Amino acid sequence: MAYADTKVTMGTTPIRQLFLSFVYLQMLDFLTTIAFLANGIREANPFVRMMLTLIPNPIAALLSVKLMALLLGVYCWRMRRERLLTYINVMFAALVLWNVIVLIMGARIA
C-alpha cells in the first residue's frame, strides 16, 4: 500500500511517462534533422520539406513543426490516448535510430 501511495505522489503515471518520452523523442528528432540539414542531406518528410520552403530559417521551420507535434502530444496526454502515444513513440524512436545510423554511416564514409 505504501508503494502505491509513493507512486501516486511521484507523479509517474504511465501516460505522463509516455508524454515525457514523446517530448524527448521530438527533441532528438529536431537535433538529428538539424544535423542532416547541416550535412546537406535533404529532408524526407514532405510536410517538413514544405515548411522549410515556406519559412526561410530552417531552425524556425523545424521549431514550428515540432510545436505542432507537441500540441498533438499534449492532446494525446490530456485525452489519455495511451495506445496512440505509445505507437507514436515507437515510430519516432525508430526514426531517431535511423537518423543516428545514417549520420554515423555518413561520417564514416566521408
Protein backbone atom coordinates (compact mmCIF):
# COMPACT_ATOMS: atom_id res chain seq x y z
CA MET A 1 0.00 0.00 0.00
CA ALA A 2 2.81 2.42 0.83
CA TYR A 3 4.38 1.75 -2.57
CA ALA A 4 1.16 2.72 -4.34
CA ASP A 5 0.95 5.95 -2.33
CA THR A 6 4.56 6.79 -3.19
CA LYS A 7 3.96 6.12 -6.86
CA VAL A 8 0.98 8.48 -6.95
CA THR A 9 2.83 11.29 -5.17
CA MET A 10 5.81 10.95 -7.52
CA GLY A 11 3.54 11.72 -10.49
CA THR A 12 4.90 8.93 -12.67
CA THR A 13 1.67 7.81 -14.26
CA PRO A 14 2.11 5.79 -17.47
CA ILE A 15 0.53 8.49 -19.64
CA ARG A 16 2.82 11.13 -18.15
CA GLN A 17 5.87 8.96 -18.81
CA LEU A 18 4.66 8.40 -22.38
CA PHE A 19 4.29 12.14 -22.87
CA LEU A 20 7.74 12.87 -21.45
CA SER A 21 9.20 10.22 -23.75
CA PHE A 22 7.35 11.84 -26.63
CA VAL A 23 8.87 15.25 -25.82
CA TYR A 24 12.34 13.71 -25.55
CA LEU A 25 11.97 11.94 -28.91
CA GLN A 26 10.78 15.18 -30.53
CA MET A 27 13.93 16.92 -29.28
CA LEU A 28 16.11 14.11 -30.62
CA ASP A 29 14.34 14.24 -33.97
CA PHE A 30 14.83 18.01 -34.09
CA LEU A 31 18.56 17.68 -33.38
CA THR A 32 19.14 14.86 -35.87
CA THR A 33 17.21 16.76 -38.53
CA ILE A 34 19.39 19.82 -37.94
CA ALA A 35 22.44 17.56 -38.29
CA PHE A 36 21.03 16.19 -41.56
CA LEU A 37 20.46 19.67 -42.96
CA ALA A 38 23.91 20.84 -41.83
CA ASN A 39 25.43 17.91 -43.73
CA GLY A 40 23.46 18.64 -46.89
CA ILE A 41 21.03 15.75 -46.52
CA ARG A 42 17.57 16.56 -47.86
CA GLU A 43 14.55 16.23 -45.55
CA ALA A 44 12.43 13.19 -46.45
CA ASN A 45 9.17 14.24 -44.76
CA PRO A 46 7.06 16.16 -47.33
CA PHE A 47 5.36 18.30 -44.68
CA VAL A 48 8.67 19.33 -43.13
CA ARG A 49 10.09 19.98 -46.62
CA MET A 50 7.14 22.27 -47.33
CA MET A 51 7.69 24.14 -44.07
CA LEU A 52 11.38 24.51 -44.93
CA THR A 53 10.40 26.22 -48.19
CA LEU A 54 7.76 28.45 -46.56
CA ILE A 55 9.94 29.59 -43.65
CA PRO A 56 13.42 30.69 -44.80
CA ASN A 57 15.15 29.93 -41.48
CA PRO A 58 15.46 26.13 -41.16
CA ILE A 59 15.58 26.21 -37.36
CA ALA A 60 12.39 28.30 -37.21
CA ALA A 61 10.72 25.97 -39.71
CA LEU A 62 11.63 22.89 -37.68
CA LEU A 63 10.60 24.54 -34.43
CA SER A 64 7.18 25.33 -35.92
CA VAL A 65 6.77 21.69 -36.98
CA LYS A 66 7.83 20.49 -33.52
CA LEU A 67 5.42 22.93 -31.87
CA MET A 68 2.60 21.37 -33.88
CA ALA A 69 3.81 17.90 -32.90
CA LEU A 70 3.94 18.93 -29.24
CA LEU A 71 0.38 20.21 -29.44
CA LEU A 72 -0.70 16.81 -30.75
CA GLY A 73 1.26 15.17 -27.95
CA VAL A 74 -0.45 17.36 -25.35
CA TYR A 75 -3.80 16.41 -26.86
CA CYS A 76 -2.96 12.69 -26.54
CA TRP A 77 -1.75 13.22 -22.99
CA ARG A 78 -4.80 15.20 -21.86
CA MET A 79 -7.24 12.83 -23.59
CA ARG A 80 -5.39 9.84 -22.10
CA ARG A 81 -4.71 8.29 -25.50
CA GLU A 82 -2.03 5.92 -24.17
CA ARG A 83 -2.12 3.47 -27.06
CA LEU A 84 -1.77 6.23 -29.66
CA LEU A 85 1.05 7.91 -27.74
CA THR A 86 2.81 4.54 -27.38
CA TYR A 87 2.53 3.94 -31.13
CA ILE A 88 3.84 7.44 -31.94
CA ASN A 89 6.76 6.96 -29.53
CA VAL A 90 7.73 3.65 -31.11
CA MET A 91 7.64 5.23 -34.58
CA PHE A 92 9.72 8.24 -33.52
CA ALA A 93 12.21 6.03 -31.66
CA ALA A 94 12.71 4.04 -34.87
CA LEU A 95 13.03 7.28 -36.86
CA VAL A 96 15.62 8.74 -34.48
CA LEU A 97 17.55 5.46 -34.51
CA TRP A 98 17.55 5.53 -38.32
CA ASN A 99 18.69 9.16 -38.34
CA VAL A 100 21.60 8.39 -35.99
CA ILE A 101 22.65 5.36 -38.06
CA VAL A 102 22.60 7.41 -41.28
CA LEU A 103 24.60 10.21 -39.63
CA ILE A 104 27.20 7.76 -38.31
CA MET A 105 27.47 5.95 -41.63
CA GLY A 106 27.73 9.25 -43.47
CA ALA A 107 30.52 10.42 -41.17
CA ARG A 108 32.28 7.11 -41.60
CA ILE A 109 32.10 7.29 -45.41
CA ALA A 110 33.32 10.91 -45.56
